Amino acid sequence: MKRYRKTPSLISCILMDVLGYATYSLPLIGELADIIWAPISALIFFRMFGGWKGAFGGLFNFAEELLPGFDFIPTFTLTWIMQYFTSNNKQEVEKQAGTVTLLQTGNQRP
């Protein structure tokens, strides 16, 4: 049986992006806070997504947080969307997104 890595919830991804935006909203202090936030955010990204997506995305997220003016990119949410549309286990992703269909293999949910 193939094991699938649990996909992070959409809400947690949006929350992480909002935290990244929060440093952007503080003039001057925000860019200094990004120096602290960038490695923390990259590590969280890697732990949330894992594998090559987590490693590549973590590096991209690290660079995005460090570079001035790029905090607006919703890296976590974009990765969740990419994973949602490319996942082989869409049913698990849909459950976590709260969009479970009522009909699954002919059985109705109560």
PDB file of N, CA and C in Angstrom:
ATOM      1  N   MET A   1       0.839  -1.181   0.000  1.00  0.00           N
ATOM      2  CA  MET A   1       0.000   0.000   0.000  1.00  0.00           C
ATOM      3  C   MET A   1       0.885   1.245   0.000  1.00  0.00           C
ATOM      4  N   LYS A   2       0.612   2.146  -0.883  1.00  0.00           N
ATOM      5  CA  LYS A   2       1.394   3.366  -1.002  1.00  0.00           C
ATOM      6  C   LYS A   2       0.953   4.366   0.058  1.00  0.00           C
ATOM      7  N   ARG A   3       1.918   4.935   0.773  1.00  0.00           N
ATOM      8  CA  ARG A   3       1.610   5.923   1.804  1.00  0.00           C
ATOM      9  C   ARG A   3       1.695   7.312   1.200  1.00  0.00           C
ATOM     10  N   TYR A   4       0.718   8.123   1.538  1.00  0.00           N
ATOM     11  CA  TYR A   4       0.693   9.498   1.074  1.00  0.00           C
ATOM     12  C   TYR A   4       1.016  10.420   2.236  1.00  0.00           C
ATOM     13  N   ARG A   5       1.770  11.444   1.952  1.00  0.00           N
ATOM     14  CA  ARG A   5       2.054  12.449   2.965  1.00  0.00           C
ATOM     15  C   ARG A   5       0.801  13.293   3.144  1.00  0.00           C
ATOM     16  N   LYS A   6       0.456  13.552   4.382  1.00  0.00           N
ATOM     17  CA  LYS A   6      -0.731  14.348   4.659  1.00  0.00           C
ATOM     18  C   LYS A   6      -0.522  15.764   4.139  1.00  0.00           C
ATOM     19  N   THR A   7      -1.462  16.235   3.362  1.00  0.00           N
ATOM     20  CA  THR A   7      -1.399  17.572   2.802  1.00  0.00           C
ATOM     21  C   THR A   7      -1.787  18.586   3.871  1.00  0.00           C
ATOM     22  N   PRO A   8      -1.020  19.674   4.018  1.00  0.00           N
ATOM     23  CA  PRO A   8      -1.419  20.697   4.988  1.00  0.00           C
ATOM     24  C   PRO A   8      -2.754  21.316   4.586  1.00  0.00           C
ATOM     25  N   SER A   9      -3.480  21.810   5.556  1.00  0.00           N
ATOM     26  CA  SER A   9      -4.779  22.409   5.251  1.00  0.00           C
ATOM     27  C   SER A   9      -4.591  23.756   4.554  1.00  0.00           C
ATOM     28  N   LEU A  10      -5.582  24.113   3.777  1.00  0.00           N
ATOM     29  CA  LEU A  10      -5.561  25.393   3.080  1.00  0.00           C
ATOM     30  C   LEU A  10      -5.516  26.544   4.084  1.00  0.00           C
ATOM     31  N   ILE A  11      -6.240  26.402   5.170  1.00  0.00           N
ATOM     32  CA  ILE A  11      -6.275  27.469   6.178  1.00  0.00           C
ATOM     33  C   ILE A  11      -4.900  27.685   6.796  1.00  0.00           C
ATOM     34  N   SER A  12      -4.180  26.603   7.086  1.00  0.00           N
ATOM     35  CA  SER A  12      -2.836  26.772   7.662  1.00  0.00           C
ATOM     36  C   SER A  12      -1.892  27.433   6.658  1.00  0.00           C
ATOM     37  N   CYS A  13      -2.061  27.127   5.376  1.00  0.00           N
ATOM     38  CA  CYS A  13      -1.223  27.764   4.347  1.00  0.00           C
ATOM     39  C   CYS A  13      -1.525  29.256   4.244  1.00  0.00           C
ATOM     40  N   ILE A  14      -2.805  29.604   4.270  1.00  0.00           N
ATOM     41  CA  ILE A  14      -3.181  31.023   4.213  1.00  0.00           C
ATOM     42  C   ILE A  14      -2.655  31.752   5.438  1.00  0.00           C
ATOM     43  N   LEU A  15      -2.752  31.118   6.603  1.00  0.00           N
ATOM     44  CA  LEU A  15      -2.250  31.718   7.840  1.00  0.00           C
ATOM     45  C   LEU A  15      -0.746  31.983   7.759  1.00  0.00           C
ATOM     46  N   MET A  16       0.003  31.041   7.220  1.00  0.00           N
ATOM     47  CA  MET A  16       1.453  31.234   7.083  1.00  0.00           C
ATOM     48  C   MET A  16       1.756  32.384   6.117  1.00  0.00           C
ATOM     49  N   ASP A  17       0.997  32.503   5.048  1.00  0.00           N
ATOM     50  CA  ASP A  17       1.200  33.623   4.123  1.00  0.00           C
ATOM     51  C   ASP A  17       0.861  34.953   4.787  1.00  0.00           C
ATOM     52  N   VAL A  18      -0.190  34.978   5.590  1.00  0.00           N
ATOM     53  CA  VAL A  18      -0.562  36.208   6.305  1.00  0.00           C
ATOM     54  C   VAL A  18       0.543  36.609   7.282  1.00  0.00           C
ATOM     55  N   LEU A  19       1.136  35.628   7.961  1.00  0.00           N
ATOM     56  CA  LEU A  19       2.265  35.937   8.859  1.00  0.00           C
ATOM     57  C   LEU A  19       3.435  36.538   8.078  1.00  0.00           C
ATOM     58  N   GLY A  20       3.674  36.011   6.888  1.00  0.00           N
ATOM     59  CA  GLY A  20       4.728  36.574   6.042  1.00  0.00           C
ATOM     60  C   GLY A  20       4.420  38.002   5.617  1.00  0.00           C
ATOM     61  N   TYR A  21       3.126  38.283   5.336  1.00  0.00           N
ATOM     62  CA  TYR A  21       2.718  39.644   4.971  1.00  0.00           C
ATOM     63  C   TYR A  21       2.858  40.598   6.148  1.00  0.00           C
ATOM     64  N   ALA A  22       2.682  40.096   7.361  1.00  0.00           N
ATOM     65  CA  ALA A  22       2.711  40.952   8.554  1.00  0.00           C
ATOM     66  C   ALA A  22       4.046  41.676   8.669  1.00  0.00           C
ATOM     67  N   THR A  23       5.132  41.012   8.354  1.00  0.00           N
ATOM     68  CA  THR A  23       6.436  41.683   8.426  1.00  0.00           C
ATOM     69  C   THR A  23       6.560  42.744   7.334  1.00  0.00           C
ATOM     70  N   TYR A  24       5.878  42.513   6.217  1.00  0.00           N
ATOM     71  CA  TYR A  24       5.917  43.465   5.102  1.00  0.00           C
ATOM     72  C   TYR A  24       5.208  44.769   5.460  1.00  0.00           C
ATOM     73  N   SER A  25       4.252  44.702   6.367  1.00  0.00           N
ATOM     74  CA  SER A  25       3.451  45.877   6.715  1.00  0.00           C
ATOM     75  C   SER A  25       4.156  46.827   7.683  1.00  0.00           C
ATOM     76  N   LEU A  26       5.270  46.416   8.251  1.00  0.00           N
ATOM     77  CA  LEU A  26       6.009  47.271   9.190  1.00  0.00           C
ATOM     78  C   LEU A  26       7.153  47.977   8.462  1.00  0.00           C
ATOM     79  N   PRO A  27       7.044  49.275   8.225  1.00  0.00           N
ATOM     80  CA  PRO A  27       8.109  49.976   7.514  1.00  0.00           C
ATOM     81  C   PRO A  27       9.445  49.877   8.261  1.00  0.00           C
ATOM     82  N   LEU A  28      10.510  49.651   7.535  1.00  0.00           N
ATOM     83  CA  LEU A  28      11.882  49.504   8.016  1.00  0.00           C
ATOM     84  C   LEU A  28      12.074  48.297   8.935  1.00  0.00           C
ATOM     85  N   ILE A  29      11.264  48.176   9.947  1.00  0.00           N
ATOM     86  CA  ILE A  29      11.388  47.050  10.875  1.00  0.00           C
ATOM     87  C   ILE A  29      11.036  45.755  10.160  1.00  0.00           C
ATOM     88  N   GLY A  30      10.100  45.826   9.235  1.00  0.00           N
ATOM     89  CA  GLY A  30       9.647  44.645   8.510  1.00  0.00           C
ATOM     90  C   GLY A  30      10.752  43.930   7.769  1.00  0.00           C
ATOM     91  N   GLU A  31      11.587  44.665   7.082  1.00  0.00           N
ATOM     92  CA  GLU A  31      12.681  44.037   6.339  1.00  0.00           C
ATOM     93  C   GLU A  31      13.711  43.428   7.282  1.00  0.00           C
ATOM     94  N   LEU A  32      13.914  44.047   8.436  1.00  0.00           N
ATOM     95  CA  LEU A  32      14.821  43.458   9.426  1.00  0.00           C
ATOM     96  C   LEU A  32      14.203  42.207  10.046  1.00  0.00           C
ATOM     97  N   ALA A  33      12.901  42.235  10.266  1.00  0.00           N
ATOM     98  CA  ALA A  33      12.203  41.062  10.810  1.00  0.00           C
ATOM     99  C   ALA A  33      12.245  39.903   9.822  1.00  0.00           C
ATOM    100  N   ASP A  34      12.306  40.209   8.540  1.00  0.00           N
ATOM    101  CA  ASP A  34      12.389  39.156   7.524  1.00  0.00           C
ATOM    102  C   ASP A  34      13.671  38.337   7.658  1.00  0.00           C
ATOM    103  N   ILE A  35      14.718  38.943   8.163  1.00  0.00           N
ATOM    104  CA  ILE A  35      15.975  38.217   8.358  1.00  0.00           C
ATOM    105  C   ILE A  35      15.766  37.087   9.366  1.00  0.00           C
ATOM    106  N   ILE A  36      14.938  37.343  10.361  1.00  0.00           N
ATOM    107  CA  ILE A  36      14.623  36.320  11.359  1.00  0.00           C
ATOM    108  C   ILE A  36      13.546  35.370  10.828  1.00  0.00           C
ATOM    109  N   TRP A  37      12.539  35.927  10.164  1.00  0.00           N
ATOM    110  CA  TRP A  37      11.397  35.135   9.713  1.00  0.00           C
ATOM    111  C   TRP A  37      11.734  34.209   8.545  1.00  0.00           C
ATOM    112  N   ALA A  38      12.631  34.598   7.654  1.00  0.00           N
ATOM    113  CA  ALA A  38      12.919  33.816   6.447  1.00  0.00           C
ATOM    114  C   ALA A  38      13.340  32.377   6.755  1.00  0.00           C
ATOM    115  N   PRO A  39      14.326  32.129   7.616  1.00  0.00           N
ATOM    116  CA  PRO A  39      14.690  30.724   7.868  1.00  0.00           C
ATOM    117  C   PRO A  39      13.612  29.949   8.619  1.00  0.00           C
ATOM    118  N   ILE A  40      12.876  30.627   9.499  1.00  0.00           N
ATOM    119  CA  ILE A  40      11.793  29.967  10.225  1.00  0.00           C
ATOM    120  C   ILE A  40      10.701  29.549   9.244  1.00  0.00           C
ATOM    121  N   SER A  41      10.326  30.463   8.356  1.00  0.00           N
ATOM    122  CA  SER A  41       9.305  30.194   7.360  1.00  0.00           C
ATOM    123  C   SER A  41       9.728  29.066   6.416  1.00  0.00           C
ATOM    124  N   ALA A  42      10.983  29.070   6.000  1.00  0.00           N
ATOM    125  CA  ALA A  42      11.482  28.027   5.101  1.00  0.00           C
ATOM    126  C   ALA A  42      11.442  26.661   5.778  1.00  0.00           C
ATOM    127  N   LEU A  43      11.799  26.604   7.045  1.00  0.00           N
ATOM    128  CA  LEU A  43      11.764  25.345   7.776  1.00  0.00           C
ATOM    129  C   LEU A  43      10.329  24.841   7.940  1.00  0.00           C
ATOM    130  N   ILE A  44       9.420  25.745   8.272  1.00  0.00           N
ATOM    131  CA  ILE A  44       8.013  25.371   8.397  1.00  0.00           C
ATOM    132  C   ILE A  44       7.485  24.861   7.052  1.00  0.00           C
ATOM    133  N   PHE A  45       7.863  25.541   5.978  1.00  0.00           N
ATOM    134  CA  PHE A  45       7.440  25.131   4.636  1.00  0.00           C
ATOM    135  C   PHE A  45       7.902  23.707   4.353  1.00  0.00           C
ATOM    136  N   PHE A  46       9.177  23.439   4.620  1.00  0.00           N
ATOM    137  CA  PHE A  46       9.719  22.108   4.368  1.00  0.00           C
ATOM    138  C   PHE A  46       8.994  21.058   5.200  1.00  0.00           C
ATOM    139  N   ARG A  47       8.727  21.347   6.456  1.00  0.00           N
ATOM    140  CA  ARG A  47       8.041  20.391   7.326  1.00  0.00           C
ATOM    141  C   ARG A  47       6.579  20.174   6.888  1.00  0.00           C
ATOM    142  N   MET A  48       5.939  21.210   6.375  1.00  0.00           N
ATOM    143  CA  MET A  48       4.541  21.081   5.956  1.00  0.00           C
ATOM    144  C   MET A  48       4.394  20.260   4.682  1.00  0.00           C
ATOM    145  N   PHE A  49       5.269  20.470   3.706  1.00  0.00           N
ATOM    146  CA  PHE A  49       5.108  19.840   2.403  1.00  0.00           C
ATOM    147  C   PHE A  49       6.037  18.656   2.173  1.00  0.00           C
ATOM    148  N   GLY A  50       7.227  18.661   2.761  1.00  0.00           N
ATOM    149  CA  GLY A  50       8.158  17.547   2.645  1.00  0.00           C
ATOM    150  C   GLY A  50       8.578  17.246   1.219  1.00  0.00           C
ATOM    151  N   GLY A  51       9.474  16.295   1.079  1.00  0.00           N
ATOM    152  CA  GLY A  51       9.934  15.843  -0.233  1.00  0.00           C
ATOM    153  C   GLY A  51      10.577  16.959  -1.048  1.00  0.00           C
ATOM    154  N   TRP A  52      10.558  16.758  -2.363  1.00  0.00           N
ATOM    155  CA  TRP A  52      11.197  17.747  -3.230  1.00  0.00           C
ATOM    156  C   TRP A  52      10.417  19.051  -3.259  1.00  0.00           C
ATOM    157  N   LYS A  53       9.091  18.980  -3.121  1.00  0.00           N
ATOM    158  CA  LYS A  53       8.293  20.215  -3.089  1.00  0.00           C
ATOM    159  C   LYS A  53       8.654  21.039  -1.860  1.00  0.00           C
ATOM    160  N   GLY A  54       8.813  20.375  -0.743  1.00  0.00           N
ATOM    161  CA  GLY A  54       9.169  21.073   0.491  1.00  0.00           C
ATOM    162  C   GLY A  54      10.563  21.670   0.438  1.00  0.00           C
ATOM    163  N   ALA A  55      11.513  20.919  -0.130  1.00  0.00           N
ATOM    164  CA  ALA A  55      12.890  21.407  -0.215  1.00  0.00           C
ATOM    165  C   ALA A  55      12.992  22.588  -1.185  1.00  0.00           C
ATOM    166  N   PHE A  56      12.450  22.415  -2.381  1.00  0.00           N
ATOM    167  CA  PHE A  56      12.502  23.491  -3.376  1.00  0.00           C
ATOM    168  C   PHE A  56      11.689  24.692  -2.915  1.00  0.00           C
ATOM    169  N   GLY A  57      10.483  24.416  -2.431  1.00  0.00           N
ATOM    170  CA  GLY A  57       9.621  25.495  -1.965  1.00  0.00           C
ATOM    171  C   GLY A  57      10.195  26.218  -0.760  1.00  0.00           C
ATOM    172  N   GLY A  58      10.841  25.471   0.132  1.00  0.00           N
ATOM    173  CA  GLY A  58      11.479  26.090   1.294  1.00  0.00           C
ATOM    174  C   GLY A  58      12.593  27.042   0.877  1.00  0.00           C
ATOM    175  N   LEU A  59      13.397  26.628  -0.095  1.00  0.00           N
ATOM    176  CA  LEU A  59      14.463  27.509  -0.606  1.00  0.00           C
ATOM    177  C   LEU A  59      13.870  28.743  -1.282  1.00  0.00           C
ATOM    178  N   PHE A  60      12.825  28.525  -2.078  1.00  0.00           N
ATOM    179  CA  PHE A  60      12.172  29.648  -2.748  1.00  0.00           C
ATOM    180  C   PHE A  60      11.552  30.589  -1.719  1.00  0.00           C
ATOM    181  N   ASN A  61      10.897  30.017  -0.718  1.00  0.00           N
ATOM    182  CA  ASN A  61      10.266  30.814   0.330  1.00  0.00           C
ATOM    183  C   ASN A  61      11.318  31.610   1.110  1.00  0.00           C
ATOM    184  N   PHE A  62      12.451  30.992   1.391  1.00  0.00           N
ATOM    185  CA  PHE A  62      13.540  31.663   2.085  1.00  0.00           C
ATOM    186  C   PHE A  62      14.006  32.886   1.286  1.00  0.00           C
ATOM    187  N   ALA A  63      14.247  32.686   0.000  1.00  0.00           N
ATOM    188  CA  ALA A  63      14.696  33.789  -0.855  1.00  0.00           C
ATOM    189  C   ALA A  63      13.611  34.863  -0.971  1.00  0.00           C
ATOM    190  N   GLU A  64      12.374  34.439  -1.109  1.00  0.00           N
ATOM    191  CA  GLU A  64      11.264  35.385  -1.253  1.00  0.00           C
ATOM    192  C   GLU A  64      11.116  36.260  -0.011  1.00  0.00           C
ATOM    193  N   GLU A  65      11.299  35.684   1.164  1.00  0.00           N
ATOM    194  CA  GLU A  65      11.190  36.454   2.405  1.00  0.00           C
ATOM    195  C   GLU A  65      12.379  37.393   2.593  1.00  0.00           C
ATOM    196  N   LEU A  66      13.549  36.980   2.151  1.00  0.00           N
ATOM    197  CA  LEU A  66      14.738  37.818   2.335  1.00  0.00           C
ATOM    198  C   LEU A  66      14.816  38.989   1.358  1.00  0.00           C
ATOM    199  N   LEU A  67      14.373  38.775   0.134  1.00  0.00           N
ATOM    200  CA  LEU A  67      14.468  39.831  -0.875  1.00  0.00           C
ATOM    201  C   LEU A  67      13.435  40.923  -0.608  1.00  0.00           C
ATOM    202  N   PRO A  68      13.870  42.169  -0.572  1.00  0.00           N
ATOM    203  CA  PRO A  68      12.920  43.262  -0.302  1.00  0.00           C
ATOM    204  C   PRO A  68      11.862  43.375  -1.399  1.00  0.00           C
ATOM    205  N   GLY A  69      10.614  43.540  -0.981  1.00  0.00           N
ATOM    206  CA  GLY A  69       9.527  43.761  -1.918  1.00  0.00           C
ATOM    207  C   GLY A  69       8.849  42.521  -2.461  1.00  0.00           C
ATOM    208  N   PHE A  70       9.286  41.331  -2.064  1.00  0.00           N
ATOM    209  CA  PHE A  70       8.704  40.101  -2.597  1.00  0.00           C
ATOM    210  C   PHE A  70       7.812  39.371  -1.601  1.00  0.00           C
ATOM    211  N   ASP A  71       7.528  39.983  -0.473  1.00  0.00           N
ATOM    212  CA  ASP A  71       6.718  39.334   0.559  1.00  0.00           C
ATOM    213  C   ASP A  71       5.271  39.110   0.130  1.00  0.00           C
ATOM    214  N   PHE A  72       4.844  39.752  -0.926  1.00  0.00           N
ATOM    215  CA  PHE A  72       3.451  39.627  -1.358  1.00  0.00           C
ATOM    216  C   PHE A  72       3.148  38.277  -2.010  1.00  0.00           C
ATOM    217  N   ILE A  73       4.150  37.496  -2.362  1.00  0.00           N
ATOM    218  CA  ILE A  73       3.923  36.219  -3.040  1.00  0.00           C
ATOM    219  C   ILE A  73       3.404  35.197  -2.018  1.00  0.00           C
ATOM    220  N   PRO A  74       2.206  34.658  -2.227  1.00  0.00           N
ATOM    221  CA  PRO A  74       1.642  33.683  -1.280  1.00  0.00           C
ATOM    222  C   PRO A  74       2.190  32.273  -1.529  1.00  0.00           C
ATOM    223  N   THR A  75       3.426  32.044  -1.160  1.00  0.00           N
ATOM    224  CA  THR A  75       4.126  30.803  -1.468  1.00  0.00           C
ATOM    225  C   THR A  75       3.416  29.569  -0.926  1.00  0.00           C
ATOM    226  N   PHE A  76       2.991  29.615   0.327  1.00  0.00           N
ATOM    227  CA  PHE A  76       2.326  28.461   0.930  1.00  0.00           C
ATOM    228  C   PHE A  76       1.027  28.134   0.189  1.00  0.00           C
ATOM    229  N   THR A  77       0.225  29.161  -0.058  1.00  0.00           N
ATOM    230  CA  THR A  77      -1.068  28.951  -0.713  1.00  0.00           C
ATOM    231  C   THR A  77      -0.892  28.474  -2.152  1.00  0.00           C
ATOM    232  N   LEU A  78       0.058  29.038  -2.870  1.00  0.00           N
ATOM    233  CA  LEU A  78       0.308  28.599  -4.249  1.00  0.00           C
ATOM    234  C   LEU A  78       0.759  27.149  -4.294  1.00  0.00           C
ATOM    235  N   THR A  79       1.576  26.740  -3.334  1.00  0.00           N
ATOM    236  CA  THR A  79       2.021  25.346  -3.292  1.00  0.00           C
ATOM    237  C   THR A  79       0.862  24.421  -2.952  1.00  0.00           C
ATOM    238  N   TRP A  80      -0.014  24.855  -2.049  1.00  0.00           N
ATOM    239  CA  TRP A  80      -1.191  24.047  -1.725  1.00  0.00           C
ATOM    240  C   TRP A  80      -2.055  23.861  -2.972  1.00  0.00           C
ATOM    241  N   ILE A  81      -2.264  24.938  -3.719  1.00  0.00           N
ATOM    242  CA  ILE A  81      -3.071  24.865  -4.947  1.00  0.00           C
ATOM    243  C   ILE A  81      -2.419  23.932  -5.949  1.00  0.00           C
ATOM    244  N   MET A  82      -1.099  24.048  -6.118  1.00  0.00           N
ATOM    245  CA  MET A  82      -0.387  23.171  -7.047  1.00  0.00           C
ATOM    246  C   MET A  82      -0.533  21.715  -6.603  1.00  0.00           C
ATOM    247  N   GLN A  83      -0.400  21.469  -5.319  1.00  0.00           N
ATOM    248  CA  GLN A  83      -0.517  20.113  -4.813  1.00  0.00           C
ATOM    249  C   GLN A  83      -1.950  19.595  -4.968  1.00  0.00           C
ATOM    250  N   TYR A  84      -2.916  20.451  -4.795  1.00  0.00           N
ATOM    251  CA  TYR A  84      -4.320  20.064  -4.943  1.00  0.00           C
ATOM    252  C   TYR A  84      -4.615  19.587  -6.369  1.00  0.00           C
ATOM    253  N   PHE A  85      -4.101  20.317  -7.354  1.00  0.00           N
ATOM    254  CA  PHE A  85      -4.398  19.983  -8.741  1.00  0.00           C
ATOM    255  C   PHE A  85      -3.509  18.881  -9.311  1.00  0.00           C
ATOM    256  N   THR A  86      -2.409  18.566  -8.640  1.00  0.00           N
ATOM    257  CA  THR A  86      -1.527  17.514  -9.149  1.00  0.00           C
ATOM    258  C   THR A  86      -1.514  16.283  -8.268  1.00  0.00           C
ATOM    259  N   SER A  87      -2.287  16.276  -7.207  1.00  0.00           N
ATOM    260  CA  SER A  87      -2.267  15.174  -6.252  1.00  0.00           C
ATOM    261  C   SER A  87      -2.924  13.923  -6.822  1.00  0.00           C
ATOM    262  N   ASN A  88      -2.301  12.774  -6.545  1.00  0.00           N
ATOM    263  CA  ASN A  88      -2.898  11.492  -6.902  1.00  0.00           C
ATOM    264  C   ASN A  88      -3.939  11.079  -5.873  1.00  0.00           C
ATOM    265  N   ASN A  89      -3.917  11.736  -4.748  1.00  0.00           N
ATOM    266  CA  ASN A  89      -4.826  11.409  -3.655  1.00  0.00           C
ATOM    267  C   ASN A  89      -5.752  12.594  -3.405  1.00  0.00           C
ATOM    268  N   LYS A  90      -6.495  13.000  -4.414  1.00  0.00           N
ATOM    269  CA  LYS A  90      -7.342  14.188  -4.340  1.00  0.00           C
ATOM    270  C   LYS A  90      -8.420  14.065  -3.271  1.00  0.00           C
ATOM    271  N   GLN A  91      -8.875  12.858  -3.008  1.00  0.00           N
ATOM    272  CA  GLN A  91      -9.909  12.674  -2.006  1.00  0.00           C
ATOM    273  C   GLN A  91      -9.413  13.136  -0.637  1.00  0.00           C
ATOM    274  N   GLU A  92      -8.167  12.816  -0.288  1.00  0.00           N
ATOM    275  CA  GLU A  92      -7.588  13.243   0.989  1.00  0.00           C
ATOM    276  C   GLU A  92      -7.448  14.759   1.031  1.00  0.00           C
ATOM    277  N   VAL A  93      -7.014  15.352  -0.065  1.00  0.00           N
ATOM    278  CA  VAL A  93      -6.863  16.804  -0.124  1.00  0.00           C
ATOM    279  C   VAL A  93      -8.223  17.477   0.010  1.00  0.00           C
ATOM    280  N   GLU A  94      -9.241  16.917  -0.650  1.00  0.00           N
ATOM    281  CA  GLU A  94     -10.585  17.492  -0.569  1.00  0.00           C
ATOM    282  C   GLU A  94     -11.128  17.429   0.848  1.00  0.00           C
ATOM    283  N   LYS A  95     -10.875  16.354   1.561  1.00  0.00           N
ATOM    284  CA  LYS A  95     -11.325  16.242   2.946  1.00  0.00           C
ATOM    285  C   LYS A  95     -10.716  17.367   3.781  1.00  0.00           C
ATOM    286  N   GLN A  96      -9.432  17.609   3.593  1.00  0.00           N
ATOM    287  CA  GLN A  96      -8.756  18.632   4.369  1.00  0.00           C
ATOM    288  C   GLN A  96      -9.206  20.022   3.970  1.00  0.00           C
ATOM    289  N   ALA A  97      -9.627  20.184   2.741  1.00  0.00           N
ATOM    290  CA  ALA A  97     -10.102  21.488   2.289  1.00  0.00           C
ATOM    291  C   ALA A  97     -11.555  21.724   2.689  1.00  0.00           C
ATOM    292  N   GLY A  98     -12.215  20.672   3.158  1.00  0.00           N
ATOM    293  CA  GLY A  98     -13.608  20.797   3.553  1.00  0.00           C
ATOM    294  C   GLY A  98     -14.577  20.705   2.395  1.00  0.00           C
ATOM    295  N   THR A  99     -14.139  20.102   1.295  1.00  0.00           N
ATOM    296  CA  THR A  99     -14.999  20.013   0.120  1.00  0.00           C
ATOM    297  C   THR A  99     -15.254  18.558  -0.255  1.00  0.00           C
ATOM    298  N   VAL A 100     -15.564  17.738   0.729  1.00  0.00           N
ATOM    299  CA  VAL A 100     -15.823  16.328   0.469  1.00  0.00           C
ATOM    300  C   VAL A 100     -17.126  16.192  -0.309  1.00  0.00           C
ATOM    301  N   THR A 101     -17.089  15.409  -1.352  1.00  0.00           N
ATOM    302  CA  THR A 101     -18.295  15.203  -2.145  1.00  0.00           C
ATOM    303  C   THR A 101     -19.251  14.291  -1.403  1.00  0.00           C
ATOM    304  N   LEU A 102     -20.539  14.440  -1.664  1.00  0.00           N
ATOM    305  CA  LEU A 102     -21.541  13.645  -0.984  1.00  0.00           C
ATOM    306  C   LEU A 102     -21.595  12.218  -1.513  1.00  0.00           C
ATOM    307  N   LEU A 103     -21.245  12.045  -2.754  1.00  0.00           N
ATOM    308  CA  LEU A 103     -21.292  10.709  -3.335  1.00  0.00           C
ATOM    309  C   LEU A 103     -19.873  10.209  -3.542  1.00  0.00           C
ATOM    310  N   GLN A 104     -19.564   9.105  -2.877  1.00  0.00           N
ATOM    311  CA  GLN A 104     -18.253   8.499  -3.045  1.00  0.00           C
ATOM    312  C   GLN A 104     -18.461   7.028  -3.364  1.00  0.00           C
ATOM    313  N   THR A 105     -18.067   6.644  -4.505  1.00  0.00           N
ATOM    314  CA  THR A 105     -18.201   5.264  -4.985  1.00  0.00           C
ATOM    315  C   THR A 105     -19.588   4.692  -4.754  1.00  0.00           C
ATOM    316  N   GLY A 106     -20.612   5.481  -5.027  1.00  0.00           N
ATOM    317  CA  GLY A 106     -21.976   5.018  -4.945  1.00  0.00           C
ATOM    318  C   GLY A 106     -22.603   5.068  -3.553  1.00  0.00           C
ATOM    319  N   ASN A 107     -21.849   5.359  -2.531  1.00  0.00           N
ATOM    320  CA  ASN A 107     -22.391   5.429  -1.170  1.00  0.00           C
ATOM    321  C   ASN A 107     -22.621   6.863  -0.783  1.00  0.00           C
ATOM    322  N   GLN A 108     -23.739   7.117  -0.128  1.00  0.00           N
ATOM    323  CA  GLN A 108     -24.029   8.465   0.328  1.00  0.00           C
ATOM    324  C   GLN A 108     -23.578   8.630   1.763  1.00  0.00           C
ATOM    325  N   ARG A 109     -23.066   9.796   2.072  1.00  0.00           N
ATOM    326  CA  ARG A 109     -22.675  10.098   3.445  1.00  0.00           C
ATOM    327  C   ARG A 109     -23.914  10.507   4.226  1.00  0.00           C
ATOM    328  N   PRO A 110     -23.978  10.135   5.497  1.00  0.00           N
ATOM    329  CA  PRO A 110     -25.142  10.532   6.310  1.00  0.00           C
ATOM    330  C   PRO A 110     -25.203  12.016   6.546  1.00  0.00           C
TER     331      PRO A 110
END
